[in-house]
Amino acid sequence: MAKKISKKLKAASEKVNPSKSYNLSEASQLLKEISYAKFDETVEVAMNLGVDPRHADQNVRGAVVLPHGLGKKVRVLVFAKGEKIREAEEAGADYVGGEDLAQKIQGGWLDFEAAIATPDMMGVVGRLGRILAPRGLMPNPKVGTVTQDLKNAVKEAKAGRVEFKVNKAGIIQAPVGKVSFDAQKIEENTKAFIDAIVKAKPAAAKGTYINSVYVSSTMSPSVRIDAAEYKV
């Protein structure tokens, strides 16, 4: 039995031309017009890339600090010891510790949105891979969350740092803000994210790199972005 579409979703869908590719400015404004939920919806970008993630040299992974943040408070946990504990606390980390935090996490506690670690704490953090990795919380040197520079890492996490990684189907999906942002902020955050993906293009990627780009809010239909300018 087909799922019944609500009147609000139907009305929103009628405002989106499925055969049209919108420029980023148009799409950002349209997202605000078709938002109908009673809560502040998250704006997301979904990109289909012309890469084969089965090959290590075609993996796309990295992070970007959005110019206007994510529109929510980010609780940051830092694994550190010695003098680095004070550095993390002064930088604004919400939770700082070592074995004590690891035991809490193993017990089911996950009240944070970002995790950072100094290199000498990875022996402790490594045991948490099965818990943290599926949730996108595992510290990783490739995206700057295993570092000695805790001040900068915590600052970026608080400011709206978004990590990205292509999945097995060649898709990258990530939040870029809230629908309550004005259209210009949505546009600038989305552009910063897309630019980061373009910059992360693997040298081994051949042919069209960006096949499609869509933006949507939590409850809205998707809006297709004209990816022509990103054909790299």
C-alpha atoms as a PDB file:
ATOM      1  CA  MET A   1       0.000   0.000   0.000  1.00  0.00           C
ATOM      2  CA  ALA A   2       1.431   3.364  -1.017  1.00  0.00           C
ATOM      3  CA  LYS A   3       2.260   5.759   1.781  1.00  0.00           C
ATOM      4  CA  LYS A   4      -0.123   8.706   1.937  1.00  0.00           C
ATOM      5  CA  ILE A   5       1.531  12.073   1.304  1.00  0.00           C
ATOM      6  CA  SER A   6       0.557  14.841   3.702  1.00  0.00           C
ATOM      7  CA  LYS A   7      -1.075  17.998   2.372  1.00  0.00           C
ATOM      8  CA  LYS A   8       1.864  20.090   3.525  1.00  0.00           C
ATOM      9  CA  LEU A   9       4.422  17.876   1.769  1.00  0.00           C
ATOM     10  CA  LYS A  10       2.293  17.831  -1.377  1.00  0.00           C
ATOM     11  CA  ALA A  11       2.075  21.634  -1.347  1.00  0.00           C
ATOM     12  CA  ALA A  12       5.849  21.913  -0.834  1.00  0.00           C
ATOM     13  CA  SER A  13       6.550  19.427  -3.638  1.00  0.00           C
ATOM     14  CA  GLU A  14       4.398  21.420  -6.058  1.00  0.00           C
ATOM     15  CA  LYS A  15       6.745  24.393  -5.610  1.00  0.00           C
ATOM     16  CA  VAL A  16       9.764  22.369  -6.748  1.00  0.00           C
ATOM     17  CA  ASN A  17      10.261  21.726 -10.449  1.00  0.00           C
ATOM     18  CA  PRO A  18      11.787  18.193 -10.560  1.00  0.00           C
ATOM     19  CA  SER A  19      13.095  18.726 -14.101  1.00  0.00           C
ATOM     20  CA  LYS A  20      14.930  21.943 -13.235  1.00  0.00           C
ATOM     21  CA  SER A  21      18.460  22.407 -11.915  1.00  0.00           C
ATOM     22  CA  TYR A  22      18.446  25.491  -9.682  1.00  0.00           C
ATOM     23  CA  ASN A  23      21.408  27.721  -9.048  1.00  0.00           C
ATOM     24  CA  LEU A  24      22.572  27.758  -5.451  1.00  0.00           C
ATOM     25  CA  SER A  25      20.990  31.108  -4.643  1.00  0.00           C
ATOM     26  CA  GLU A  26      17.576  30.032  -5.986  1.00  0.00           C
ATOM     27  CA  ALA A  27      17.730  26.698  -4.194  1.00  0.00           C
ATOM     28  CA  SER A  28      18.632  28.299  -0.855  1.00  0.00           C
ATOM     29  CA  GLN A  29      15.654  30.650  -1.075  1.00  0.00           C
ATOM     30  CA  LEU A  30      13.348  27.853  -2.214  1.00  0.00           C
ATOM     31  CA  LEU A  31      14.282  25.702   0.785  1.00  0.00           C
ATOM     32  CA  LYS A  32      12.985  28.399   3.090  1.00  0.00           C
ATOM     33  CA  GLU A  33       9.758  28.703   1.095  1.00  0.00           C
ATOM     34  CA  ILE A  34       8.971  24.978   1.189  1.00  0.00           C
ATOM     35  CA  SER A  35       9.808  24.448   4.854  1.00  0.00           C
ATOM     36  CA  TYR A  36       6.669  23.513   6.772  1.00  0.00           C
ATOM     37  CA  ALA A  37       7.752  21.635   9.915  1.00  0.00           C
ATOM     38  CA  LYS A  38       7.101  23.110  13.351  1.00  0.00           C
ATOM     39  CA  PHE A  39      10.758  22.627  14.354  1.00  0.00           C
ATOM     40  CA  ASP A  40      13.940  24.155  12.991  1.00  0.00           C
ATOM     41  CA  GLU A  41      14.829  21.702  10.247  1.00  0.00           C
ATOM     42  CA  THR A  42      18.406  20.787   9.380  1.00  0.00           C
ATOM     43  CA  VAL A  43      19.555  21.641   5.867  1.00  0.00           C
ATOM     44  CA  GLU A  44      21.490  18.822   4.190  1.00  0.00           C
ATOM     45  CA  VAL A  45      23.504  18.420   1.009  1.00  0.00           C
ATOM     46  CA  ALA A  46      23.679  15.118  -0.860  1.00  0.00           C
ATOM     47  CA  MET A  47      26.217  14.640  -3.649  1.00  0.00           C
ATOM     48  CA  ASN A  48      26.707  11.748  -6.045  1.00  0.00           C
ATOM     49  CA  LEU A  49      30.361  11.488  -7.066  1.00  0.00           C
ATOM     50  CA  GLY A  50      31.937   9.794 -10.044  1.00  0.00           C
ATOM     51  CA  VAL A  51      34.384   7.777  -7.951  1.00  0.00           C
ATOM     52  CA  ASP A  52      34.727   4.100  -7.042  1.00  0.00           C
ATOM     53  CA  PRO A  53      35.265   4.025  -3.254  1.00  0.00           C
ATOM     54  CA  ARG A  54      36.293   0.367  -3.472  1.00  0.00           C
ATOM     55  CA  HIS A  55      39.652   1.689  -4.616  1.00  0.00           C
ATOM     56  CA  ALA A  56      41.639   3.380  -1.853  1.00  0.00           C
ATOM     57  CA  ASP A  57      43.016   5.982  -4.265  1.00  0.00           C
ATOM     58  CA  GLN A  58      39.470   7.145  -5.072  1.00  0.00           C
ATOM     59  CA  ASN A  59      38.309   7.664  -1.509  1.00  0.00           C
ATOM     60  CA  VAL A  60      36.993  11.137  -0.702  1.00  0.00           C
ATOM     61  CA  ARG A  61      37.352  12.193   2.907  1.00  0.00           C
ATOM     62  CA  GLY A  62      37.996  15.398   4.787  1.00  0.00           C
ATOM     63  CA  ALA A  63      36.452  18.208   6.800  1.00  0.00           C
ATOM     64  CA  VAL A  64      35.351  21.798   6.347  1.00  0.00           C
ATOM     65  CA  VAL A  65      34.528  24.608   8.771  1.00  0.00           C
ATOM     66  CA  LEU A  66      31.278  26.200   7.613  1.00  0.00           C
ATOM     67  CA  PRO A  67      31.355  30.019   7.605  1.00  0.00           C
ATOM     68  CA  HIS A  68      28.091  30.277   9.561  1.00  0.00           C
ATOM     69  CA  GLY A  69      28.283  27.115  11.652  1.00  0.00           C
ATOM     70  CA  LEU A  70      25.587  24.478  11.996  1.00  0.00           C
ATOM     71  CA  GLY A  71      23.133  26.456  14.057  1.00  0.00           C
ATOM     72  CA  LYS A  72      23.413  24.230  17.085  1.00  0.00           C
ATOM     73  CA  LYS A  73      25.582  23.835  20.152  1.00  0.00           C
ATOM     74  CA  VAL A  74      28.359  21.310  19.631  1.00  0.00           C
ATOM     75  CA  ARG A  75      29.544  19.460  22.726  1.00  0.00           C
ATOM     76  CA  VAL A  76      33.211  18.573  22.326  1.00  0.00           C
ATOM     77  CA  LEU A  77      34.989  15.732  24.103  1.00  0.00           C
ATOM     78  CA  VAL A  78      38.793  15.638  24.235  1.00  0.00           C
ATOM     79  CA  PHE A  79      40.994  12.682  25.158  1.00  0.00           C
ATOM     80  CA  ALA A  80      44.159  14.122  26.674  1.00  0.00           C
ATOM     81  CA  LYS A  81      46.542  13.902  29.614  1.00  0.00           C
ATOM     82  CA  GLY A  82      49.098  16.056  31.395  1.00  0.00           C
ATOM     83  CA  GLU A  83      49.373  19.672  30.287  1.00  0.00           C
ATOM     84  CA  LYS A  84      47.085  18.992  27.335  1.00  0.00           C
ATOM     85  CA  ILE A  85      44.134  18.669  29.712  1.00  0.00           C
ATOM     86  CA  ARG A  86      44.392  22.322  30.665  1.00  0.00           C
ATOM     87  CA  GLU A  87      44.876  23.344  27.022  1.00  0.00           C
ATOM     88  CA  ALA A  88      41.673  21.544  26.054  1.00  0.00           C
ATOM     89  CA  GLU A  89      39.717  23.050  28.948  1.00  0.00           C
ATOM     90  CA  GLU A  90      40.922  26.562  28.155  1.00  0.00           C
ATOM     91  CA  ALA A  91      39.954  26.041  24.522  1.00  0.00           C
ATOM     92  CA  GLY A  92      36.364  25.385  25.610  1.00  0.00           C
ATOM     93  CA  ALA A  93      36.087  21.583  25.497  1.00  0.00           C
ATOM     94  CA  ASP A  94      33.009  20.319  27.332  1.00  0.00           C
ATOM     95  CA  TYR A  95      34.572  17.065  28.522  1.00  0.00           C
ATOM     96  CA  VAL A  96      38.272  16.279  28.972  1.00  0.00           C
ATOM     97  CA  GLY A  97      39.814  13.082  30.256  1.00  0.00           C
ATOM     98  CA  GLY A  98      41.251   9.700  29.420  1.00  0.00           C
ATOM     99  CA  GLU A  99      40.479   6.271  30.782  1.00  0.00           C
ATOM    100  CA  ASP A 100      37.573   7.662  32.804  1.00  0.00           C
ATOM    101  CA  LEU A 101      35.829   8.933  29.668  1.00  0.00           C
ATOM    102  CA  ALA A 102      36.567   5.716  27.796  1.00  0.00           C
ATOM    103  CA  GLN A 103      34.856   3.695  30.522  1.00  0.00           C
ATOM    104  CA  LYS A 104      31.813   5.998  30.454  1.00  0.00           C
ATOM    105  CA  ILE A 105      31.535   5.583  26.683  1.00  0.00           C
ATOM    106  CA  GLN A 106      31.851   1.807  26.977  1.00  0.00           C
ATOM    107  CA  GLY A 107      28.994   1.989  29.463  1.00  0.00           C
ATOM    108  CA  GLY A 108      26.747   3.669  26.882  1.00  0.00           C
ATOM    109  CA  TRP A 109      27.351   7.393  27.471  1.00  0.00           C
ATOM    110  CA  LEU A 110      27.490   9.397  24.234  1.00  0.00           C
ATOM    111  CA  ASP A 111      26.376  12.920  25.140  1.00  0.00           C
ATOM    112  CA  PHE A 112      28.710  14.747  22.747  1.00  0.00           C
ATOM    113  CA  GLU A 113      28.832  15.626  19.058  1.00  0.00           C
ATOM    114  CA  ALA A 114      32.593  15.758  18.403  1.00  0.00           C
ATOM    115  CA  ALA A 115      35.603  13.861  19.736  1.00  0.00           C
ATOM    116  CA  ILE A 116      39.247  14.928  19.564  1.00  0.00           C
ATOM    117  CA  ALA A 117      42.372  13.185  20.867  1.00  0.00           C
ATOM    118  CA  THR A 118      46.083  13.799  21.222  1.00  0.00           C
ATOM    119  CA  PRO A 119      48.220  11.151  19.491  1.00  0.00           C
ATOM    120  CA  ASP A 120      49.424   9.659  22.790  1.00  0.00           C
ATOM    121  CA  MET A 121      45.808   8.867  23.767  1.00  0.00           C
ATOM    122  CA  MET A 122      45.011   6.689  20.759  1.00  0.00           C
ATOM    123  CA  GLY A 123      45.846   3.537  22.695  1.00  0.00           C
ATOM    124  CA  VAL A 124      42.864   4.311  24.894  1.00  0.00           C
ATOM    125  CA  VAL A 125      40.669   5.658  22.104  1.00  0.00           C
ATOM    126  CA  GLY A 126      41.385   2.714  19.805  1.00  0.00           C
ATOM    127  CA  ARG A 127      39.358   0.413  22.051  1.00  0.00           C
ATOM    128  CA  LEU A 128      36.285   2.536  21.372  1.00  0.00           C
ATOM    129  CA  GLY A 129      36.324   2.147  17.598  1.00  0.00           C
ATOM    130  CA  ARG A 130      33.273  -0.115  17.438  1.00  0.00           C
ATOM    131  CA  ILE A 131      31.245   2.441  19.374  1.00  0.00           C
ATOM    132  CA  LEU A 132      32.529   5.726  17.959  1.00  0.00           C
ATOM    133  CA  ALA A 133      33.226   4.901  14.301  1.00  0.00           C
ATOM    134  CA  PRO A 134      29.634   4.003  13.254  1.00  0.00           C
ATOM    135  CA  ARG A 135      28.480   7.320  14.730  1.00  0.00           C
ATOM    136  CA  GLY A 136      31.147   9.373  12.963  1.00  0.00           C
ATOM    137  CA  LEU A 137      32.802  10.235  16.286  1.00  0.00           C
ATOM    138  CA  MET A 138      36.115   8.374  16.011  1.00  0.00           C
ATOM    139  CA  PRO A 139      39.115  10.747  16.149  1.00  0.00           C
ATOM    140  CA  ASN A 140      41.178  10.491  12.966  1.00  0.00           C
ATOM    141  CA  PRO A 141      44.442  12.223  11.975  1.00  0.00           C
ATOM    142  CA  LYS A 142      43.292  12.480   8.332  1.00  0.00           C
ATOM    143  CA  VAL A 143      40.563  14.954   9.293  1.00  0.00           C
ATOM    144  CA  GLY A 144      42.490  16.747  12.025  1.00  0.00           C
ATOM    145  CA  THR A 145      40.819  15.256  15.098  1.00  0.00           C
ATOM    146  CA  VAL A 146      43.962  13.483  16.272  1.00  0.00           C
ATOM    147  CA  THR A 147      46.276  16.396  16.940  1.00  0.00           C
ATOM    148  CA  GLN A 148      48.523  18.216  19.378  1.00  0.00           C
ATOM    149  CA  ASP A 149      46.878  21.517  18.444  1.00  0.00           C
ATOM    150  CA  LEU A 150      43.872  21.158  20.713  1.00  0.00           C
ATOM    151  CA  LYS A 151      43.153  24.877  20.796  1.00  0.00           C
ATOM    152  CA  ASN A 152      42.472  25.040  17.059  1.00  0.00           C
ATOM    153  CA  ALA A 153      40.741  21.653  16.880  1.00  0.00           C
ATOM    154  CA  VAL A 154      38.267  22.525  19.649  1.00  0.00           C
ATOM    155  CA  LYS A 155      37.661  25.967  18.142  1.00  0.00           C
ATOM    156  CA  GLU A 156      36.852  24.466  14.734  1.00  0.00           C
ATOM    157  CA  ALA A 157      34.554  21.826  16.227  1.00  0.00           C
ATOM    158  CA  LYS A 158      32.626  24.489  18.129  1.00  0.00           C
ATOM    159  CA  ALA A 159      32.444  26.728  15.059  1.00  0.00           C
ATOM    160  CA  GLY A 160      30.639  24.168  12.899  1.00  0.00           C
ATOM    161  CA  ARG A 161      33.227  21.798  11.514  1.00  0.00           C
ATOM    162  CA  VAL A 162      31.713  19.126   9.273  1.00  0.00           C
ATOM    163  CA  GLU A 163      33.498  15.889   8.418  1.00  0.00           C
ATOM    164  CA  PHE A 164      32.655  14.076   5.199  1.00  0.00           C
ATOM    165  CA  LYS A 165      33.370  10.657   3.739  1.00  0.00           C
ATOM    166  CA  VAL A 166      32.051   9.085   0.545  1.00  0.00           C
ATOM    167  CA  ASN A 167      30.064   5.895   1.104  1.00  0.00           C
ATOM    168  CA  LYS A 168      30.175   2.674  -0.910  1.00  0.00           C
ATOM    169  CA  ALA A 169      27.597   3.999  -3.358  1.00  0.00           C
ATOM    170  CA  GLY A 170      29.642   7.120  -4.130  1.00  0.00           C
ATOM    171  CA  ILE A 171      27.361   9.374  -2.075  1.00  0.00           C
ATOM    172  CA  ILE A 172      28.381  12.108   0.357  1.00  0.00           C
ATOM    173  CA  GLN A 173      25.701  13.540   2.629  1.00  0.00           C
ATOM    174  CA  ALA A 174      26.147  16.112   5.389  1.00  0.00           C
ATOM    175  CA  PRO A 175      24.362  18.876   7.307  1.00  0.00           C
ATOM    176  CA  VAL A 176      25.151  22.481   6.358  1.00  0.00           C
ATOM    177  CA  GLY A 177      22.950  24.504   8.703  1.00  0.00           C
ATOM    178  CA  LYS A 178      19.357  25.182   9.730  1.00  0.00           C
ATOM    179  CA  VAL A 179      16.366  26.289   7.689  1.00  0.00           C
ATOM    180  CA  SER A 180      16.021  29.261  10.067  1.00  0.00           C
ATOM    181  CA  PHE A 181      19.242  30.683   8.588  1.00  0.00           C
ATOM    182  CA  ASP A 182      18.665  33.417   6.039  1.00  0.00           C
ATOM    183  CA  ALA A 183      18.996  32.285   2.430  1.00  0.00           C
ATOM    184  CA  GLN A 184      22.427  33.862   2.006  1.00  0.00           C
ATOM    185  CA  LYS A 185      23.886  31.933   4.947  1.00  0.00           C
ATOM    186  CA  ILE A 186      22.439  28.688   3.621  1.00  0.00           C
ATOM    187  CA  GLU A 187      23.950  29.476   0.223  1.00  0.00           C
ATOM    188  CA  GLU A 188      27.389  30.340   1.635  1.00  0.00           C
ATOM    189  CA  ASN A 189      27.531  27.271   3.887  1.00  0.00           C
ATOM    190  CA  THR A 190      26.458  25.009   1.039  1.00  0.00           C
ATOM    191  CA  LYS A 191      29.005  26.533  -1.326  1.00  0.00           C
ATOM    192  CA  ALA A 192      31.769  26.067   1.257  1.00  0.00           C
ATOM    193  CA  PHE A 193      30.843  22.395   1.578  1.00  0.00           C
ATOM    194  CA  ILE A 194      30.703  21.779  -2.177  1.00  0.00           C
ATOM    195  CA  ASP A 195      34.009  23.617  -2.660  1.00  0.00           C
ATOM    196  CA  ALA A 196      35.598  21.334  -0.054  1.00  0.00           C
ATOM    197  CA  ILE A 197      34.419  18.259  -1.965  1.00  0.00           C
ATOM    198  CA  VAL A 198      35.813  19.698  -5.197  1.00  0.00           C
ATOM    199  CA  LYS A 199      39.140  20.352  -3.487  1.00  0.00           C
ATOM    200  CA  ALA A 200      39.199  16.768  -2.180  1.00  0.00           C
ATOM    201  CA  LYS A 201      38.936  15.254  -5.685  1.00  0.00           C
ATOM    202  CA  PRO A 202      41.266  12.222  -5.868  1.00  0.00           C
ATOM    203  CA  ALA A 203      43.916  12.307  -8.571  1.00  0.00           C
ATOM    204  CA  ALA A 204      42.768   8.833  -9.656  1.00  0.00           C
ATOM    205  CA  ALA A 205      39.187   9.968 -10.334  1.00  0.00           C
ATOM    206  CA  LYS A 206      38.407   9.950 -14.057  1.00  0.00           C
ATOM    207  CA  GLY A 207      35.509  11.382 -16.026  1.00  0.00           C
ATOM    208  CA  THR A 208      32.812  13.498 -14.385  1.00  0.00           C
ATOM    209  CA  TYR A 209      33.597  13.972 -10.709  1.00  0.00           C
ATOM    210  CA  ILE A 210      30.311  15.478  -9.482  1.00  0.00           C
ATOM    211  CA  ASN A 211      27.297  13.759 -11.028  1.00  0.00           C
ATOM    212  CA  SER A 212      24.584  15.475  -9.013  1.00  0.00           C
ATOM    213  CA  VAL A 213      23.986  17.777  -6.053  1.00  0.00           C
ATOM    214  CA  TYR A 214      20.762  18.041  -4.052  1.00  0.00           C
ATOM    215  CA  VAL A 215      19.815  20.148  -1.048  1.00  0.00           C
ATOM    216  CA  SER A 216      16.893  19.512   1.284  1.00  0.00           C
ATOM    217  CA  SER A 217      15.686  20.176   4.797  1.00  0.00           C
ATOM    218  CA  THR A 218      14.617  17.448   7.214  1.00  0.00           C
ATOM    219  CA  MET A 219      11.011  17.254   6.000  1.00  0.00           C
ATOM    220  CA  SER A 220      11.160  18.930   2.591  1.00  0.00           C
ATOM    221  CA  PRO A 221      11.469  17.490  -0.908  1.00  0.00           C
ATOM    222  CA  SER A 222      14.939  17.667  -2.467  1.00  0.00           C
ATOM    223  CA  VAL A 223      15.997  20.534  -4.708  1.00  0.00           C
ATOM    224  CA  ARG A 224      18.493  19.769  -7.465  1.00  0.00           C
ATOM    225  CA  ILE A 225      21.458  22.118  -7.808  1.00  0.00           C
ATOM    226  CA  ASP A 226      22.976  22.927 -11.172  1.00  0.00           C
ATOM    227  CA  ALA A 227      26.303  21.128 -10.853  1.00  0.00           C
ATOM    228  CA  ALA A 228      27.632  22.348 -14.201  1.00  0.00           C
ATOM    229  CA  GLU A 229      30.020  24.826 -12.615  1.00  0.00           C
ATOM    230  CA  TYR A 230      31.478  22.008 -10.515  1.00  0.00           C
ATOM    231  CA  LYS A 231      32.261  19.695 -13.434  1.00  0.00           C
ATOM    232  CA  VAL A 232      35.899  19.147 -12.505  1.00  0.00           C
END
